[in-house]
Full PDB file with SEQRES, HELIX, SHEET, SSBOND, CRYST1, ORIGX, SCALE, CONECT and MASTER records, all heavy atoms in Angstrom:
SEQRES   1 A   45  LYS GLU ARG TRP TYR LEU ILE LEU PRO LEU ALA VAL LEU          
SEQRES   2 A   45  VAL TYR LEU LEU PHE SER GLY TYR THR PRO LEU TYR ALA          
SEQRES   3 A   45  GLY THR ILE GLY LEU ALA LEU THR VAL MET LEU ILE LEU          
SEQRES   4 A   45  GLY GLY SER ILE ALA LEU                                      
HELIX    1 AA1 TRP A    4  LEU A    6  5                                   3    
HELIX    2 AA2 ILE A    7  PHE A   18  1                                  12    
HELIX    3 AA3 PRO A   23  ALA A   44  1                                  22    
CRYST1    1.000    1.000    1.000  90.00  90.00  90.00 P 1           1          
ORIGX1      1.000000  0.000000  0.000000        0.00000                         
ORIGX2      0.000000  1.000000  0.000000        0.00000                         
ORIGX3      0.000000  0.000000  1.000000        0.00000                         
SCALE1      1.000000  0.000000  0.000000        0.00000                         
SCALE2      0.000000  1.000000  0.000000        0.00000                         
SCALE3      0.000000  0.000000  1.000000        0.00000                         
ATOM      1  N   LYS A   1     107.563 116.061 128.654  1.00  0.00           N  
ATOM      2  CA  LYS A   1     108.479 117.095 128.020  1.00  0.00           C  
ATOM      3  C   LYS A   1     108.015 117.274 126.520  1.00  0.00           C  
ATOM      4  O   LYS A   1     107.975 118.366 125.877  1.00  0.00           O  
ATOM      5  CB  LYS A   1     109.956 116.803 127.877  1.00  0.00           C  
ATOM      6  CG  LYS A   1     110.794 117.760 127.201  1.00  0.00           C  
ATOM      7  CD  LYS A   1     112.311 117.401 127.420  1.00  0.00           C  
ATOM      8  CE  LYS A   1     113.166 118.416 126.837  1.00  0.00           C  
ATOM      9  NZ  LYS A   1     114.693 117.996 126.925  1.00  0.00           N  
ATOM     10  N   GLU A   2     107.627 116.112 125.906  1.00  0.00           N  
ATOM     11  CA  GLU A   2     107.233 116.109 124.422  1.00  0.00           C  
ATOM     12  C   GLU A   2     105.802 116.640 124.297  1.00  0.00           C  
ATOM     13  O   GLU A   2     105.384 117.204 123.281  1.00  0.00           O  
ATOM     14  CB  GLU A   2     107.468 114.756 123.796  1.00  0.00           C  
ATOM     15  CG  GLU A   2     108.801 114.303 123.707  1.00  0.00           C  
ATOM     16  CD  GLU A   2     109.085 112.979 123.172  1.00  0.00           C  
ATOM     17  OE1 GLU A   2     107.920 112.221 123.106  1.00  0.00           O  
ATOM     18  OE2 GLU A   2     109.941 112.543 122.820  1.00  0.00           O  
ATOM     19  N   ARG A   3     105.003 116.243 125.223  1.00  0.00           N  
ATOM     20  CA  ARG A   3     103.429 116.499 125.087  1.00  0.00           C  
ATOM     21  C   ARG A   3     102.847 117.164 126.251  1.00  0.00           C  
ATOM     22  O   ARG A   3     101.622 117.019 126.471  1.00  0.00           O  
ATOM     23  CB  ARG A   3     102.691 115.154 124.727  1.00  0.00           C  
ATOM     24  CG  ARG A   3     103.161 114.529 123.532  1.00  0.00           C  
ATOM     25  CD  ARG A   3     102.333 113.284 123.061  1.00  0.00           C  
ATOM     26  NE  ARG A   3     102.351 112.265 123.994  1.00  0.00           N  
ATOM     27  CZ  ARG A   3     103.374 111.381 123.952  1.00  0.00           C  
ATOM     28  NH1 ARG A   3     104.375 111.429 123.026  1.00  0.00           N  
ATOM     29  NH2 ARG A   3     103.494 110.286 124.824  1.00  0.00           N  
ATOM     30  N   TRP A   4     103.633 117.935 126.853  1.00  0.00           N  
ATOM     31  CA  TRP A   4     103.068 118.659 128.115  1.00  0.00           C  
ATOM     32  C   TRP A   4     101.897 119.683 127.657  1.00  0.00           C  
ATOM     33  O   TRP A   4     101.048 119.984 128.583  1.00  0.00           O  
ATOM     34  CB  TRP A   4     104.211 119.484 128.847  1.00  0.00           C  
ATOM     35  CG  TRP A   4     104.959 120.466 127.903  1.00  0.00           C  
ATOM     36  CD1 TRP A   4     105.841 120.404 127.041  1.00  0.00           C  
ATOM     37  CD2 TRP A   4     104.380 121.891 127.777  1.00  0.00           C  
ATOM     38  NE1 TRP A   4     106.177 121.557 126.383  1.00  0.00           N  
ATOM     39  CE2 TRP A   4     105.140 122.464 126.817  1.00  0.00           C  
ATOM     40  CE3 TRP A   4     103.375 122.654 128.271  1.00  0.00           C  
ATOM     41  CZ2 TRP A   4     105.014 123.811 126.398  1.00  0.00           C  
ATOM     42  CZ3 TRP A   4     103.232 124.057 127.907  1.00  0.00           C  
ATOM     43  CH2 TRP A   4     104.008 124.569 126.902  1.00  0.00           C  
ATOM     44  N   TYR A   5     102.001 120.272 126.564  1.00  0.00           N  
ATOM     45  CA  TYR A   5     101.073 121.196 126.131  1.00  0.00           C  
ATOM     46  C   TYR A   5      99.700 120.664 126.114  1.00  0.00           C  
ATOM     47  O   TYR A   5      98.723 121.413 126.143  1.00  0.00           O  
ATOM     48  CB  TYR A   5     101.465 121.820 124.783  1.00  0.00           C  
ATOM     49  CG  TYR A   5     101.577 120.677 123.670  1.00  0.00           C  
ATOM     50  CD1 TYR A   5     100.388 120.279 123.003  1.00  0.00           C  
ATOM     51  CD2 TYR A   5     102.825 120.087 123.420  1.00  0.00           C  
ATOM     52  CE1 TYR A   5     100.537 119.270 122.010  1.00  0.00           C  
ATOM     53  CE2 TYR A   5     102.851 119.206 122.364  1.00  0.00           C  
ATOM     54  CZ  TYR A   5     101.741 118.750 121.830  1.00  0.00           C  
ATOM     55  OH  TYR A   5     101.815 117.764 120.777  1.00  0.00           O  
ATOM     56  N   LEU A   6      99.534 119.268 126.066  1.00  0.00           N  
ATOM     57  CA  LEU A   6      98.127 118.768 125.999  1.00  0.00           C  
ATOM     58  C   LEU A   6      97.399 118.996 127.416  1.00  0.00           C  
ATOM     59  O   LEU A   6      96.214 118.844 127.428  1.00  0.00           O  
ATOM     60  CB  LEU A   6      98.240 117.234 125.644  1.00  0.00           C  
ATOM     61  CG  LEU A   6      98.691 116.935 124.266  1.00  0.00           C  
ATOM     62  CD1 LEU A   6      98.722 115.337 124.063  1.00  0.00           C  
ATOM     63  CD2 LEU A   6      97.527 117.412 123.156  1.00  0.00           C  
ATOM     64  N   ILE A   7      98.243 119.117 128.350  1.00  0.00           N  
ATOM     65  CA  ILE A   7      97.591 119.293 129.664  1.00  0.00           C  
ATOM     66  C   ILE A   7      97.016 120.705 129.893  1.00  0.00           C  
ATOM     67  O   ILE A   7      96.153 120.900 130.681  1.00  0.00           O  
ATOM     68  CB  ILE A   7      98.683 118.921 130.784  1.00  0.00           C  
ATOM     69  CG1 ILE A   7      99.161 117.537 130.683  1.00  0.00           C  
ATOM     70  CG2 ILE A   7      98.089 119.214 132.300  1.00  0.00           C  
ATOM     71  CD1 ILE A   7     100.328 117.133 131.524  1.00  0.00           C  
ATOM     72  N   LEU A   8      97.541 121.600 129.159  1.00  0.00           N  
ATOM     73  CA  LEU A   8      97.147 123.105 129.257  1.00  0.00           C  
ATOM     74  C   LEU A   8      95.665 123.260 129.236  1.00  0.00           C  
ATOM     75  O   LEU A   8      95.004 123.899 130.052  1.00  0.00           O  
ATOM     76  CB  LEU A   8      97.909 124.014 128.227  1.00  0.00           C  
ATOM     77  CG  LEU A   8      99.293 124.335 128.473  1.00  0.00           C  
ATOM     78  CD1 LEU A   8      99.858 125.035 127.284  1.00  0.00           C  
ATOM     79  CD2 LEU A   8      99.492 124.886 129.829  1.00  0.00           C  
ATOM     80  N   PRO A   9      94.972 122.809 128.127  1.00  0.00           N  
ATOM     81  CA  PRO A   9      93.503 122.930 128.082  1.00  0.00           C  
ATOM     82  C   PRO A   9      92.748 122.362 129.302  1.00  0.00           C  
ATOM     83  O   PRO A   9      91.823 123.002 129.838  1.00  0.00           O  
ATOM     84  CB  PRO A   9      93.126 122.239 126.933  1.00  0.00           C  
ATOM     85  CG  PRO A   9      94.242 121.971 125.954  1.00  0.00           C  
ATOM     86  CD  PRO A   9      95.373 121.938 126.920  1.00  0.00           C  
ATOM     87  N   LEU A  10      93.232 121.209 129.836  1.00  0.00           N  
ATOM     88  CA  LEU A  10      92.610 120.566 131.095  1.00  0.00           C  
ATOM     89  C   LEU A  10      92.814 121.589 132.251  1.00  0.00           C  
ATOM     90  O   LEU A  10      91.897 121.754 133.054  1.00  0.00           O  
ATOM     91  CB  LEU A  10      93.181 119.195 131.310  1.00  0.00           C  
ATOM     92  CG  LEU A  10      92.492 118.340 132.296  1.00  0.00           C  
ATOM     93  CD1 LEU A  10      91.108 118.120 131.836  1.00  0.00           C  
ATOM     94  CD2 LEU A  10      93.103 116.994 132.376  1.00  0.00           C  
ATOM     95  N   ALA A  11      94.106 122.044 132.277  1.00  0.00           N  
ATOM     96  CA  ALA A  11      94.415 122.877 133.479  1.00  0.00           C  
ATOM     97  C   ALA A  11      93.524 124.148 133.413  1.00  0.00           C  
ATOM     98  O   ALA A  11      93.165 124.635 134.415  1.00  0.00           O  
ATOM     99  CB  ALA A  11      95.987 123.265 133.370  1.00  0.00           C  
ATOM    100  N   VAL A  12      93.420 124.762 132.287  1.00  0.00           N  
ATOM    101  CA  VAL A  12      92.641 126.019 132.057  1.00  0.00           C  
ATOM    102  C   VAL A  12      91.254 125.694 132.331  1.00  0.00           C  
ATOM    103  O   VAL A  12      90.495 126.529 133.105  1.00  0.00           O  
ATOM    104  CB  VAL A  12      92.910 126.551 130.706  1.00  0.00           C  
ATOM    105  CG1 VAL A  12      91.810 127.654 130.333  1.00  0.00           C  
ATOM    106  CG2 VAL A  12      94.259 127.051 130.397  1.00  0.00           C  
ATOM    107  N   LEU A  13      90.684 124.516 131.959  1.00  0.00           N  
ATOM    108  CA  LEU A  13      89.396 124.133 132.220  1.00  0.00           C  
ATOM    109  C   LEU A  13      89.027 123.980 133.785  1.00  0.00           C  
ATOM    110  O   LEU A  13      88.141 124.781 134.274  1.00  0.00           O  
ATOM    111  CB  LEU A  13      89.100 122.785 131.649  1.00  0.00           C  
ATOM    112  CG  LEU A  13      87.645 122.130 131.938  1.00  0.00           C  
ATOM    113  CD1 LEU A  13      86.521 122.879 131.034  1.00  0.00           C  
ATOM    114  CD2 LEU A  13      87.681 120.753 131.495  1.00  0.00           C  
ATOM    115  N   VAL A  14      90.029 123.493 134.471  1.00  0.00           N  
ATOM    116  CA  VAL A  14      89.828 123.316 135.928  1.00  0.00           C  
ATOM    117  C   VAL A  14      89.888 124.588 136.580  1.00  0.00           C  
ATOM    118  O   VAL A  14      89.114 125.045 137.500  1.00  0.00           O  
ATOM    119  CB  VAL A  14      90.939 122.287 136.419  1.00  0.00           C  
ATOM    120  CG1 VAL A  14      90.923 122.394 137.973  1.00  0.00           C  
ATOM    121  CG2 VAL A  14      90.612 120.928 135.961  1.00  0.00           C  
ATOM    122  N   TYR A  15      90.912 125.507 136.095  1.00  0.00           N  
ATOM    123  CA  TYR A  15      90.955 126.910 136.633  1.00  0.00           C  
ATOM    124  C   TYR A  15      89.810 127.659 136.518  1.00  0.00           C  
ATOM    125  O   TYR A  15      89.272 128.325 137.439  1.00  0.00           O  
ATOM    126  CB  TYR A  15      92.172 127.623 136.008  1.00  0.00           C  
ATOM    127  CG  TYR A  15      92.251 129.027 136.342  1.00  0.00           C  
ATOM    128  CD1 TYR A  15      92.680 129.453 137.653  1.00  0.00           C  
ATOM    129  CD2 TYR A  15      91.858 129.928 135.448  1.00  0.00           C  
ATOM    130  CE1 TYR A  15      92.751 130.901 137.961  1.00  0.00           C  
ATOM    131  CE2 TYR A  15      91.806 131.384 135.725  1.00  0.00           C  
ATOM    132  CZ  TYR A  15      92.320 131.881 136.997  1.00  0.00           C  
ATOM    133  OH  TYR A  15      92.382 133.105 137.346  1.00  0.00           O  
ATOM    134  N   LEU A  16      89.144 127.633 135.270  1.00  0.00           N  
ATOM    135  CA  LEU A  16      87.929 128.399 135.004  1.00  0.00           C  
ATOM    136  C   LEU A  16      86.710 127.958 135.827  1.00  0.00           C  
ATOM    137  O   LEU A  16      86.034 128.745 136.343  1.00  0.00           O  
ATOM    138  CB  LEU A  16      87.643 128.290 133.535  1.00  0.00           C  
ATOM    139  CG  LEU A  16      88.659 129.150 132.573  1.00  0.00           C  
ATOM    140  CD1 LEU A  16      88.185 128.832 131.138  1.00  0.00           C  
ATOM    141  CD2 LEU A  16      88.673 130.582 132.867  1.00  0.00           C  
ATOM    142  N   LEU A  17      86.711 126.637 135.822  1.00  0.00           N  
ATOM    143  CA  LEU A  17      85.492 126.019 136.696  1.00  0.00           C  
ATOM    144  C   LEU A  17      85.605 126.343 138.191  1.00  0.00           C  
ATOM    145  O   LEU A  17      84.490 126.698 138.752  1.00  0.00           O  
ATOM    146  CB  LEU A  17      85.514 124.578 136.622  1.00  0.00           C  
ATOM    147  CG  LEU A  17      85.052 124.063 135.216  1.00  0.00           C  
ATOM    148  CD1 LEU A  17      85.321 122.450 135.217  1.00  0.00           C  
ATOM    149  CD2 LEU A  17      83.580 124.263 134.927  1.00  0.00           C  
ATOM    150  N   PHE A  18      86.762 126.392 138.867  1.00  0.00           N  
ATOM    151  CA  PHE A  18      86.922 126.880 140.164  1.00  0.00           C  
ATOM    152  C   PHE A  18      87.056 128.324 140.268  1.00  0.00           C  
ATOM    153  O   PHE A  18      87.088 128.742 141.492  1.00  0.00           O  
ATOM    154  CB  PHE A  18      88.160 126.208 140.852  1.00  0.00           C  
ATOM    155  CG  PHE A  18      87.932 124.645 141.050  1.00  0.00           C  
ATOM    156  CD1 PHE A  18      88.134 123.719 140.156  1.00  0.00           C  
ATOM    157  CD2 PHE A  18      87.396 124.445 142.392  1.00  0.00           C  
ATOM    158  CE1 PHE A  18      87.872 122.376 140.527  1.00  0.00           C  
ATOM    159  CE2 PHE A  18      87.189 122.968 142.614  1.00  0.00           C  
ATOM    160  CZ  PHE A  18      87.367 122.047 141.612  1.00  0.00           C  
ATOM    161  N   SER A  19      87.140 129.056 139.272  1.00  0.00           N  
ATOM    162  CA  SER A  19      87.096 130.580 139.335  1.00  0.00           C  
ATOM    163  C   SER A  19      85.754 131.179 139.289  1.00  0.00           C  
ATOM    164  O   SER A  19      85.646 132.380 139.277  1.00  0.00           O  
ATOM    165  CB  SER A  19      88.090 131.131 138.298  1.00  0.00           C  
ATOM    166  OG  SER A  19      89.319 130.659 138.557  1.00  0.00           O  
ATOM    167  N   GLY A  20      84.710 130.281 139.174  1.00  0.00           N  
ATOM    168  CA  GLY A  20      83.407 130.908 139.170  1.00  0.00           C  
ATOM    169  C   GLY A  20      82.706 131.025 137.784  1.00  0.00           C  
ATOM    170  O   GLY A  20      81.560 131.407 137.632  1.00  0.00           O  
ATOM    171  N   TYR A  21      83.459 130.660 136.737  1.00  0.00           N  
ATOM    172  CA  TYR A  21      82.961 130.679 135.328  1.00  0.00           C  
ATOM    173  C   TYR A  21      81.895 129.531 135.213  1.00  0.00           C  
ATOM    174  O   TYR A  21      82.185 128.518 135.757  1.00  0.00           O  
ATOM    175  CB  TYR A  21      83.990 130.652 134.219  1.00  0.00           C  
ATOM    176  CG  TYR A  21      84.911 131.947 134.254  1.00  0.00           C  
ATOM    177  CD1 TYR A  21      86.078 131.997 134.940  1.00  0.00           C  
ATOM    178  CD2 TYR A  21      84.534 132.950 133.462  1.00  0.00           C  
ATOM    179  CE1 TYR A  21      86.854 133.089 135.016  1.00  0.00           C  
ATOM    180  CE2 TYR A  21      85.230 134.079 133.373  1.00  0.00           C  
ATOM    181  CZ  TYR A  21      86.457 134.226 134.160  1.00  0.00           C  
ATOM    182  OH  TYR A  21      87.221 135.279 134.158  1.00  0.00           O  
ATOM    183  N   THR A  22      80.917 129.738 134.290  1.00  0.00           N  
ATOM    184  CA  THR A  22      79.956 128.604 134.187  1.00  0.00           C  
ATOM    185  C   THR A  22      80.618 127.526 133.500  1.00  0.00           C  
ATOM    186  O   THR A  22      81.592 127.646 132.660  1.00  0.00           O  
ATOM    187  CB  THR A  22      78.912 129.049 133.274  1.00  0.00           C  
ATOM    188  OG1 THR A  22      79.266 129.407 132.018  1.00  0.00           O  
ATOM    189  CG2 THR A  22      78.131 130.361 133.875  1.00  0.00           C  
ATOM    190  N   PRO A  23      80.255 126.303 133.546  1.00  0.00           N  
ATOM    191  CA  PRO A  23      80.759 125.171 132.915  1.00  0.00           C  
ATOM    192  C   PRO A  23      80.711 125.303 131.337  1.00  0.00           C  
ATOM    193  O   PRO A  23      81.552 124.825 130.640  1.00  0.00           O  
ATOM    194  CB  PRO A  23      79.874 123.907 133.345  1.00  0.00           C  
ATOM    195  CG  PRO A  23      79.407 124.389 134.625  1.00  0.00           C  
ATOM    196  CD  PRO A  23      79.226 125.833 134.695  1.00  0.00           C  
ATOM    197  N   LEU A  24      79.559 125.801 131.030  1.00  0.00           N  
ATOM    198  CA  LEU A  24      79.393 126.123 129.430  1.00  0.00           C  
ATOM    199  C   LEU A  24      80.471 127.002 128.845  1.00  0.00           C  
ATOM    200  O   LEU A  24      81.202 126.704 127.929  1.00  0.00           O  
ATOM    201  CB  LEU A  24      78.042 126.755 129.222  1.00  0.00           C  
ATOM    202  CG  LEU A  24      77.735 126.930 127.724  1.00  0.00           C  
ATOM    203  CD1 LEU A  24      77.667 125.511 127.116  1.00  0.00           C  
ATOM    204  CD2 LEU A  24      76.284 127.590 127.596  1.00  0.00           C  
ATOM    205  N   TYR A  25      80.859 128.049 129.596  1.00  0.00           N  
ATOM    206  CA  TYR A  25      81.856 129.017 129.234  1.00  0.00           C  
ATOM    207  C   TYR A  25      83.178 128.298 129.316  1.00  0.00           C  
ATOM    208  O   TYR A  25      84.082 128.412 128.382  1.00  0.00           O  
ATOM    209  CB  TYR A  25      81.858 130.306 130.191  1.00  0.00           C  
ATOM    210  CG  TYR A  25      82.827 131.339 129.770  1.00  0.00           C  
ATOM    211  CD1 TYR A  25      82.485 132.176 128.691  1.00  0.00           C  
ATOM    212  CD2 TYR A  25      84.025 131.561 130.507  1.00  0.00           C  
ATOM    213  CE1 TYR A  25      83.451 133.272 128.289  1.00  0.00           C  
ATOM    214  CE2 TYR A  25      84.862 132.510 130.038  1.00  0.00           C  
ATOM    215  CZ  TYR A  25      84.577 133.380 129.010  1.00  0.00           C  
ATOM    216  OH  TYR A  25      85.395 134.222 128.705  1.00  0.00           O  
ATOM    217  N   ALA A  26      83.478 127.565 130.402  1.00  0.00           N  
ATOM    218  CA  ALA A  26      84.737 126.969 130.689  1.00  0.00           C  
ATOM    219  C   ALA A  26      85.042 125.814 129.605  1.00  0.00           C  
ATOM    220  O   ALA A  26      86.143 125.643 129.139  1.00  0.00           O  
ATOM    221  CB  ALA A  26      84.869 126.448 132.126  1.00  0.00           C  
ATOM    222  N   GLY A  27      83.900 125.068 129.255  1.00  0.00           N  
ATOM    223  CA  GLY A  27      84.025 124.017 128.261  1.00  0.00           C  
ATOM    224  C   GLY A  27      84.347 124.610 126.955  1.00  0.00           C  
ATOM    225  O   GLY A  27      85.091 123.984 126.111  1.00  0.00           O  
ATOM    226  N   THR A  28      83.689 125.678 126.640  1.00  0.00           N  
ATOM    227  CA  THR A  28      83.948 126.390 125.257  1.00  0.00           C  
ATOM    228  C   THR A  28      85.359 126.754 125.131  1.00  0.00           C  
ATOM    229  O   THR A  28      86.001 126.518 124.104  1.00  0.00           O  
ATOM    230  CB  THR A  28      82.931 127.592 125.053  1.00  0.00           C  
ATOM    231  OG1 THR A  28      81.513 127.101 125.461  1.00  0.00           O  
ATOM    232  CG2 THR A  28      83.045 128.118 123.694  1.00  0.00           C  
ATOM    233  N   ILE A  29      85.841 127.483 126.120  1.00  0.00           N  
ATOM    234  CA  ILE A  29      87.222 127.834 126.184  1.00  0.00           C  
ATOM    235  C   ILE A  29      88.294 126.711 126.206  1.00  0.00           C  
ATOM    236  O   ILE A  29      89.123 126.737 125.351  1.00  0.00           O  
ATOM    237  CB  ILE A  29      87.476 128.842 127.284  1.00  0.00           C  
ATOM    238  CG1 ILE A  29      86.655 130.051 127.318  1.00  0.00           C  
ATOM    239  CG2 ILE A  29      88.942 129.237 127.264  1.00  0.00           C  
ATOM    240  CD1 ILE A  29      86.839 130.855 126.149  1.00  0.00           C  
ATOM    241  N   GLY A  30      88.084 125.714 126.932  1.00  0.00           N  
ATOM    242  CA  GLY A  30      88.833 124.433 127.004  1.00  0.00           C  
ATOM    243  C   GLY A  30      88.787 123.832 125.591  1.00  0.00           C  
ATOM    244  O   GLY A  30      89.963 123.538 125.108  1.00  0.00           O  
ATOM    245  N   LEU A  31      87.693 123.723 124.960  1.00  0.00           N  
ATOM    246  CA  LEU A  31      87.631 123.077 123.646  1.00  0.00           C  
ATOM    247  C   LEU A  31      88.435 124.010 122.551  1.00  0.00           C  
ATOM    248  O   LEU A  31      89.147 123.436 121.813  1.00  0.00           O  
ATOM    249  CB  LEU A  31      86.133 122.949 123.286  1.00  0.00           C  
ATOM    250  CG  LEU A  31      85.884 122.402 121.767  1.00  0.00           C  
ATOM    251  CD1 LEU A  31      86.519 120.967 121.641  1.00  0.00           C  
ATOM    252  CD2 LEU A  31      84.361 122.295 121.448  1.00  0.00           C  
ATOM    253  N   ALA A  32      88.127 125.307 122.586  1.00  0.00           N  
ATOM    254  CA  ALA A  32      88.823 126.210 121.698  1.00  0.00           C  
ATOM    255  C   ALA A  32      90.352 126.147 121.854  1.00  0.00           C  
ATOM    256  O   ALA A  32      91.115 126.093 120.846  1.00  0.00           O  
ATOM    257  CB  ALA A  32      88.297 127.636 121.964  1.00  0.00           C  
ATOM    258  N   LEU A  33      90.864 126.065 123.108  1.00  0.00           N  
ATOM    259  CA  LEU A  33      92.249 126.006 123.299  1.00  0.00           C  
ATOM    260  C   LEU A  33      92.844 124.531 122.729  1.00  0.00           C  
ATOM    261  O   LEU A  33      93.979 124.579 122.344  1.00  0.00           O  
ATOM    262  CB  LEU A  33      92.530 126.078 124.811  1.00  0.00           C  
ATOM    263  CG  LEU A  33      92.336 127.429 125.420  1.00  0.00           C  
ATOM    264  CD1 LEU A  33      92.779 127.435 126.920  1.00  0.00           C  
ATOM    265  CD2 LEU A  33      93.391 128.524 124.789  1.00  0.00           C  
ATOM    266  N   THR A  34      92.107 123.594 122.970  1.00  0.00           N  
ATOM    267  CA  THR A  34      92.566 122.335 122.386  1.00  0.00           C  
ATOM    268  C   THR A  34      92.788 122.263 120.892  1.00  0.00           C  
ATOM    269  O   THR A  34      93.718 121.858 120.359  1.00  0.00           O  
ATOM    270  CB  THR A  34      91.683 121.201 122.860  1.00  0.00           C  
ATOM    271  OG1 THR A  34      91.382 121.184 124.279  1.00  0.00           O  
ATOM    272  CG2 THR A  34      92.178 119.777 122.375  1.00  0.00           C  
ATOM    273  N   VAL A  35      91.696 122.940 120.277  1.00  0.00           N  
ATOM    274  CA  VAL A  35      91.821 123.146 118.825  1.00  0.00           C  
ATOM    275  C   VAL A  35      93.085 123.972 118.356  1.00  0.00           C  
ATOM    276  O   VAL A  35      93.728 123.661 117.465  1.00  0.00           O  
ATOM    277  CB  VAL A  35      90.452 123.691 118.187  1.00  0.00           C  
ATOM    278  CG1 VAL A  35      90.618 123.931 116.754  1.00  0.00           C  
ATOM    279  CG2 VAL A  35      89.370 122.781 118.575  1.00  0.00           C  
ATOM    280  N   MET A  36      93.206 124.937 119.169  1.00  0.00           N  
ATOM    281  CA  MET A  36      94.367 125.957 118.827  1.00  0.00           C  
ATOM    282  C   MET A  36      95.607 125.245 119.111  1.00  0.00           C  
ATOM    283  O   MET A  36      96.584 125.466 118.271  1.00  0.00           O  
ATOM    284  CB  MET A  36      94.232 127.121 119.824  1.00  0.00           C  
ATOM    285  CG  MET A  36      93.151 128.064 119.358  1.00  0.00           C  
ATOM    286  SD  MET A  36      92.915 129.528 120.490  1.00  0.00           S  
ATOM    287  CE  MET A  36      94.382 130.453 120.231  1.00  0.00           C  
ATOM    288  N   LEU A  37      95.735 124.260 120.017  1.00  0.00           N  
ATOM    289  CA  LEU A  37      97.012 123.605 120.145  1.00  0.00           C  
ATOM    290  C   LEU A  37      97.283 122.649 119.143  1.00  0.00           C  
ATOM    291  O   LEU A  37      98.385 122.519 118.650  1.00  0.00           O  
ATOM    292  CB  LEU A  37      96.879 122.835 121.637  1.00  0.00           C  
ATOM    293  CG  LEU A  37      97.122 123.740 122.873  1.00  0.00           C  
ATOM    294  CD1 LEU A  37      96.948 122.860 123.981  1.00  0.00           C  
ATOM    295  CD2 LEU A  37      98.777 124.225 122.877  1.00  0.00           C  
ATOM    296  N   ILE A  38      96.203 121.826 118.697  1.00  0.00           N  
ATOM    297  CA  ILE A  38      96.254 121.060 117.645  1.00  0.00           C  
ATOM    298  C   ILE A  38      96.844 121.674 116.295  1.00  0.00           C  
ATOM    299  O   ILE A  38      97.777 121.234 115.585  1.00  0.00           O  
ATOM    300  CB  ILE A  38      95.075 120.374 117.246  1.00  0.00           C  
ATOM    301  CG1 ILE A  38      94.693 119.333 118.509  1.00  0.00           C  
ATOM    302  CG2 ILE A  38      95.136 119.386 116.066  1.00  0.00           C  
ATOM    303  CD1 ILE A  38      93.324 118.683 118.485  1.00  0.00           C  
ATOM    304  N   LEU A  39      96.065 122.763 115.996  1.00  0.00           N  
ATOM    305  CA  LEU A  39      96.570 123.540 114.757  1.00  0.00           C  
ATOM    306  C   LEU A  39      97.851 124.196 114.887  1.00  0.00           C  
ATOM    307  O   LEU A  39      98.647 124.264 114.137  1.00  0.00           O  
ATOM    308  CB  LEU A  39      95.425 124.538 114.436  1.00  0.00           C  
ATOM    309  CG  LEU A  39      93.905 123.939 114.061  1.00  0.00           C  
ATOM    310  CD1 LEU A  39      93.023 125.065 113.922  1.00  0.00           C  
ATOM    311  CD2 LEU A  39      94.054 123.110 112.944  1.00  0.00           C  
ATOM    312  N   GLY A  40      98.006 124.749 116.083  1.00  0.00           N  
ATOM    313  CA  GLY A  40      99.309 125.565 116.398  1.00  0.00           C  
ATOM    314  C   GLY A  40     100.509 124.613 116.366  1.00  0.00           C  
ATOM    315  O   GLY A  40     101.539 124.858 115.879  1.00  0.00           O  
ATOM    316  N   GLY A  41     100.246 123.408 116.883  1.00  0.00           N  
ATOM    317  CA  GLY A  41     101.336 122.505 116.791  1.00  0.00           C  
ATOM    318  C   GLY A  41     101.755 122.045 115.439  1.00  0.00           C  
ATOM    319  O   GLY A  41     102.961 121.949 115.175  1.00  0.00           O  
ATOM    320  N   SER A  42     100.765 122.023 114.532  1.00  0.00           N  
ATOM    321  CA  SER A  42     101.112 121.628 113.095  1.00  0.00           C  
ATOM    322  C   SER A  42     101.838 122.842 112.587  1.00  0.00           C  
ATOM    323  O   SER A  42     102.841 122.634 111.716  1.00  0.00           O  
ATOM    324  CB  SER A  42      99.787 121.412 112.484  1.00  0.00           C  
ATOM    325  OG  SER A  42     100.064 121.187 111.128  1.00  0.00           O  
ATOM    326  N   ILE A  43     101.303 124.018 112.881  1.00  0.00           N  
ATOM    327  CA  ILE A  43     102.063 125.212 112.186  1.00  0.00           C  
ATOM    328  C   ILE A  43     103.422 125.275 112.803  1.00  0.00           C  
ATOM    329  O   ILE A  43     104.358 125.489 111.953  1.00  0.00           O  
ATOM    330  CB  ILE A  43     101.306 126.417 112.405  1.00  0.00           C  
ATOM    331  CG1 ILE A  43      99.977 126.406 111.799  1.00  0.00           C  
ATOM    332  CG2 ILE A  43     102.065 127.684 112.108  1.00  0.00           C  
ATOM    333  CD1 ILE A  43      98.918 127.455 112.198  1.00  0.00           C  
ATOM    334  N   ALA A  44     103.730 125.121 113.978  1.00  0.00           N  
ATOM    335  CA  ALA A  44     105.007 125.293 114.692  1.00  0.00           C  
ATOM    336  C   ALA A  44     106.060 124.272 114.021  1.00  0.00           C  
ATOM    337  O   ALA A  44     107.140 124.645 113.973  1.00  0.00           O  
ATOM    338  CB  ALA A  44     104.945 125.006 116.093  1.00  0.00           C  
ATOM    339  N   LEU A  45     105.628 123.116 113.717  1.00  0.00           N  
ATOM    340  CA  LEU A  45     106.557 122.109 113.072  1.00  0.00           C  
ATOM    341  C   LEU A  45     107.173 122.684 111.815  1.00  0.00           C  
ATOM    342  O   LEU A  45     108.173 122.263 111.350  1.00  0.00           O  
ATOM    343  CB  LEU A  45     105.879 120.789 112.841  1.00  0.00           C  
ATOM    344  CG  LEU A  45     105.431 119.980 114.067  1.00  0.00           C  
ATOM    345  CD1 LEU A  45     104.752 118.749 113.712  1.00  0.00           C  
ATOM    346  CD2 LEU A  45     106.739 119.484 114.783  1.00  0.00           C  
TER     347      LEU A  45                                                      
MASTER        0    0    0    3    0    0    0    6  346    1    0    4          
END                                                                             
């Protein structure tokens, strides 16, 4: 409940990899989402 959002980038990464996107593209998006969550979490507080 407190840190569920950390699973989101991993879930998106797996979804993209299995949807036919290249690992390079999926990894870039997964990394970007993780950074957005870290920064967004700080702003939301």
